[in-house]
Amino acid sequence: MKNYRLTLNWSCLLGMLCLLAVGCGESAPPPAADEQAKQVRQQINAFMESAQRSPRTAAQELAVMRESLDAYAENASGETAETYQAIADTAKELEAAYQSGASSDKIQQYFDKFNALLQELPS
């Protein structure tokens, strides 16, 4: 019985230490400008590829992607702030285009606009 109680005490102590180590630290710092730009590029490029393969689900995927693009635009500062805002605005316009049943040519115009804006981000 003593062994069981000792093991239980150590298990509880270990569990509490793990929770403290994970839960009490500061949150991770925001990614560097280059890393953030890379993430946005990957996200938008993956969306465009997926939208071309499966246009029916593109509006749903775009709605999810817009949340992070809006957050990037809201938190951006300096030289890239306008670019991130333009990317978020383009995503919003594209979502409206999908909802209104825009032609594939019109959708492609938005993709071209995304590509131009992505060129303005740091590499």
Protein backbone atom coordinates (compact mmCIF):
# COMPACT_ATOMS: atom_id res chain seq x y z
CA MET A 1 0.00 0.00 0.00
CA LYS A 2 2.91 2.31 0.76
CA ASN A 3 4.38 1.76 -2.72
CA TYR A 4 1.06 2.61 -4.38
CA ARG A 5 0.74 5.85 -2.40
CA LEU A 6 4.34 6.84 -3.19
CA THR A 7 3.85 6.15 -6.91
CA LEU A 8 0.60 8.13 -6.88
CA ASN A 9 2.31 11.09 -5.18
CA TRP A 10 5.14 11.12 -7.71
CA SER A 11 2.67 10.82 -10.58
CA CYS A 12 0.67 13.78 -9.30
CA LEU A 13 3.82 15.82 -8.77
CA LEU A 14 5.08 15.01 -12.25
CA GLY A 15 1.71 15.88 -13.78
CA MET A 16 1.61 19.22 -11.98
CA LEU A 17 5.14 20.05 -13.10
CA CYS A 18 4.22 19.28 -16.70
CA LEU A 19 1.16 21.52 -16.48
CA LEU A 20 3.21 24.34 -15.00
CA ALA A 21 5.90 24.01 -17.63
CA VAL A 22 3.40 24.08 -20.47
CA GLY A 23 0.80 26.46 -19.11
CA CYS A 24 2.82 29.16 -17.39
CA GLY A 25 5.21 30.14 -20.12
CA GLU A 26 4.77 33.19 -22.25
CA SER A 27 3.03 32.76 -25.55
CA ALA A 28 5.21 32.28 -28.58
CA PRO A 29 6.42 35.49 -30.19
CA PRO A 30 4.84 36.42 -33.51
CA PRO A 31 6.68 35.03 -36.52
CA ALA A 32 9.31 37.16 -38.21
CA ALA A 33 8.21 39.13 -41.26
CA ASP A 34 9.85 36.67 -43.65
CA GLU A 35 8.28 33.67 -41.92
CA GLN A 36 4.87 35.33 -41.86
CA ALA A 37 5.11 36.16 -45.56
CA LYS A 38 6.10 32.57 -46.28
CA GLN A 39 3.07 31.29 -44.35
CA VAL A 40 0.72 33.61 -46.21
CA ARG A 41 2.21 32.60 -49.57
CA GLN A 42 1.83 28.91 -48.77
CA GLN A 43 -1.72 29.39 -47.53
CA ILE A 44 -2.87 31.36 -50.58
CA ASN A 45 -1.07 29.13 -53.08
CA ALA A 46 -2.56 26.01 -51.48
CA PHE A 47 -6.00 27.61 -51.61
CA MET A 48 -5.66 28.55 -55.28
CA GLU A 49 -4.54 25.04 -56.21
CA SER A 50 -7.39 23.51 -54.25
CA ALA A 51 -9.93 25.95 -55.71
CA GLN A 52 -8.88 25.05 -59.24
CA ARG A 53 -9.24 21.34 -58.48
CA SER A 54 -12.52 21.67 -56.60
CA PRO A 55 -14.34 24.97 -57.23
CA ARG A 56 -17.43 23.81 -55.34
CA THR A 57 -15.64 23.83 -51.99
CA ALA A 58 -13.54 26.93 -52.67
CA ALA A 59 -15.90 29.37 -50.93
CA GLN A 60 -15.86 27.31 -47.74
CA GLU A 61 -12.07 27.03 -47.79
CA LEU A 62 -11.77 30.74 -48.47
CA ALA A 63 -13.97 31.59 -45.49
CA VAL A 64 -11.58 29.67 -43.23
CA MET A 65 -8.51 31.23 -44.83
CA ARG A 66 -9.97 34.73 -44.50
CA GLU A 67 -9.88 34.48 -40.72
CA SER A 68 -6.11 34.17 -40.68
CA LEU A 69 -5.64 36.73 -43.49
CA ASP A 70 -7.75 39.22 -41.54
CA ALA A 71 -5.61 38.57 -38.45
CA TYR A 72 -2.41 39.12 -40.44
CA ALA A 73 -3.81 42.39 -41.81
CA GLU A 74 -4.91 43.54 -38.37
CA ASN A 75 -1.52 42.84 -36.78
CA ALA A 76 0.68 43.99 -39.66
CA SER A 77 2.77 47.09 -39.34
CA GLY A 78 5.37 48.92 -41.33
CA GLU A 79 5.90 48.52 -45.04
CA THR A 80 3.82 45.37 -45.38
CA ALA A 81 0.68 46.60 -43.59
CA GLU A 82 -0.93 47.88 -46.78
CA THR A 83 -0.09 44.69 -48.65
CA TYR A 84 -1.61 42.45 -45.98
CA GLN A 85 -4.71 44.64 -45.93
CA ALA A 86 -4.96 44.41 -49.73
CA ILE A 87 -4.63 40.62 -49.52
CA ALA A 88 -7.40 40.46 -46.90
CA ASP A 89 -9.61 42.77 -49.01
CA THR A 90 -8.99 40.67 -52.12
CA ALA A 91 -9.99 37.54 -50.21
CA LYS A 92 -13.20 39.24 -49.10
CA GLU A 93 -13.97 40.30 -52.67
CA LEU A 94 -13.21 36.80 -53.94
CA GLU A 95 -15.53 35.28 -51.37
CA ALA A 96 -18.33 37.58 -52.59
CA ALA A 97 -17.52 36.59 -56.18
CA TYR A 98 -17.82 32.91 -55.33
CA GLN A 99 -21.12 33.51 -53.55
CA SER A 100 -22.52 35.37 -56.54
CA GLY A 101 -21.49 32.59 -58.94
CA ALA A 102 -18.79 34.54 -60.77
CA SER A 103 -17.28 33.13 -63.95
CA SER A 104 -13.97 31.30 -63.92
CA ASP A 105 -12.41 34.25 -65.77
CA LYS A 106 -13.46 36.61 -62.97
CA ILE A 107 -12.09 34.18 -60.36
CA GLN A 108 -8.81 34.01 -62.28
CA GLN A 109 -8.54 37.80 -62.09
CA TYR A 110 -8.60 37.54 -58.31
CA PHE A 111 -5.96 34.80 -58.42
CA ASP A 112 -3.79 37.07 -60.58
CA LYS A 113 -4.29 39.87 -58.07
CA PHE A 114 -3.24 37.53 -55.23
CA ASN A 115 -0.09 36.60 -57.15
CA ALA A 116 0.80 40.26 -57.69
CA LEU A 117 0.26 41.08 -54.02
CA LEU A 118 2.32 38.09 -52.89
CA GLN A 119 5.23 39.48 -54.90
CA GLU A 120 5.17 42.58 -52.69
CA LEU A 121 5.75 40.59 -49.49
CA PRO A 122 9.28 40.04 -48.17
CA SER A 123 10.96 36.86 -49.31
